[in-house]
Amino acid sequence: MCRNIRVLHNFEPPATEDEVVAAAVQYVRKISGAAKPSAANQEAFDQAVRAVAEATRVLLDSLVTTAPPKDREVEAAKAKERSAARFGPR
């Protein structure tokens, strides 16, 4: 999985549309191998992003969990700690 795609499920507040689209863009970039598509491929790229974003939203809206929602700030702090342990403090 692309490292830039973040978990979007079970957060309070829920994932925003911008976050869903950003994840879709990263996914389409990864599988297409193009960070910026050519003009000839732009429409196909944009259509794929829309389709992936829609599928992502349907998935997120359909998932069920009994776990309490995660806090974004707490999860970000945990990620920084893991990064510091792996790469050293920055």
Protein backbone atom coordinates (compact mmCIF):
# COMPACT_ATOMS: atom_id res chain seq x y z
CA MET A 1 0.00 0.00 0.00
CA CYS A 2 1.13 3.51 -0.67
CA ARG A 3 2.60 5.08 2.46
CA ASN A 4 0.71 8.32 1.88
CA ILE A 5 -2.69 6.64 2.14
CA ARG A 6 -3.88 6.90 5.73
CA VAL A 7 -6.48 4.94 7.65
CA LEU A 8 -9.76 6.84 7.39
CA HIS A 9 -12.10 4.54 9.31
CA ASN A 10 -13.25 5.06 12.90
CA PHE A 11 -12.03 8.58 13.58
CA GLU A 12 -13.81 11.35 15.38
CA PRO A 13 -14.63 13.53 13.54
CA PRO A 14 -15.18 11.23 10.53
CA ALA A 15 -13.01 11.46 7.43
CA THR A 16 -13.72 14.52 5.33
CA GLU A 17 -14.42 14.46 1.63
CA ASP A 18 -11.01 16.07 1.06
CA GLU A 19 -9.31 13.19 2.91
CA VAL A 20 -11.23 10.62 0.88
CA VAL A 21 -10.30 12.32 -2.40
CA ALA A 22 -6.65 12.67 -1.33
CA ALA A 23 -6.49 8.93 -0.61
CA ALA A 24 -8.12 8.21 -3.99
CA VAL A 25 -5.59 10.41 -5.79
CA GLN A 26 -2.70 8.61 -4.06
CA TYR A 27 -4.16 5.22 -4.96
CA VAL A 28 -4.68 6.14 -8.62
CA ARG A 29 -1.18 7.65 -8.81
CA LYS A 30 0.30 4.47 -7.37
CA ILE A 31 -1.46 2.03 -9.66
CA SER A 32 -1.08 4.18 -12.77
CA GLY A 33 2.56 4.91 -12.10
CA ALA A 34 1.97 8.58 -12.88
CA ALA A 35 2.10 11.38 -10.33
CA LYS A 36 0.79 13.74 -13.01
CA PRO A 37 -0.89 12.16 -16.01
CA SER A 38 -0.36 13.41 -19.52
CA ALA A 39 -3.03 15.58 -21.09
CA ALA A 40 -4.17 12.56 -23.09
CA ASN A 41 -4.74 10.58 -19.88
CA GLN A 42 -6.08 13.35 -17.63
CA GLU A 43 -9.78 12.52 -18.10
CA ALA A 44 -9.22 8.81 -17.42
CA PHE A 45 -7.15 9.70 -14.34
CA ASP A 46 -9.83 12.10 -13.03
CA GLN A 47 -12.59 9.55 -13.69
CA ALA A 48 -10.64 6.89 -11.79
CA VAL A 49 -10.13 9.27 -8.84
CA ARG A 50 -13.87 9.97 -8.72
CA ALA A 51 -14.72 6.26 -8.86
CA VAL A 52 -12.21 5.32 -6.14
CA ALA A 53 -13.37 8.19 -3.92
CA GLU A 54 -16.98 7.10 -4.31
CA ALA A 55 -16.12 3.47 -3.52
CA THR A 56 -14.10 4.63 -0.51
CA ARG A 57 -16.99 6.71 0.83
CA VAL A 58 -19.41 3.76 0.38
CA LEU A 59 -16.97 1.50 2.23
CA LEU A 60 -16.43 3.94 5.10
CA ASP A 61 -20.16 4.51 5.46
CA SER A 62 -20.79 0.74 5.52
CA LEU A 63 -18.13 -0.36 8.01
CA VAL A 64 -19.27 -1.23 11.52
CA THR A 65 -17.11 -1.32 14.64
CA THR A 66 -17.56 -1.59 18.37
CA ALA A 67 -14.22 0.07 19.06
CA PRO A 68 -14.28 3.64 20.31
CA PRO A 69 -13.38 6.27 17.68
CA LYS A 70 -9.71 7.20 17.43
CA ASP A 71 -8.47 10.71 18.08
CA ARG A 72 -6.50 12.17 15.17
CA GLU A 73 -4.06 14.06 17.38
CA VAL A 74 -3.29 10.99 19.51
CA GLU A 75 -2.76 8.86 16.40
CA ALA A 76 -0.48 11.54 14.89
CA ALA A 77 1.60 11.61 18.08
CA LYS A 78 1.92 7.82 17.98
CA ALA A 79 3.07 8.01 14.36
CA LYS A 80 5.71 10.62 15.27
CA GLU A 81 6.97 8.37 18.07
CA ARG A 82 7.22 5.40 15.70
CA SER A 83 9.07 7.56 13.18
CA ALA A 84 11.49 8.84 15.81
CA ALA A 85 12.17 5.30 17.00
CA ARG A 86 12.78 4.16 13.43
CA PHE A 87 14.69 7.11 11.99
CA GLY A 88 15.83 9.07 15.04
CA PRO A 89 14.52 12.44 16.22
CA ARG A 90 14.17 15.12 13.59
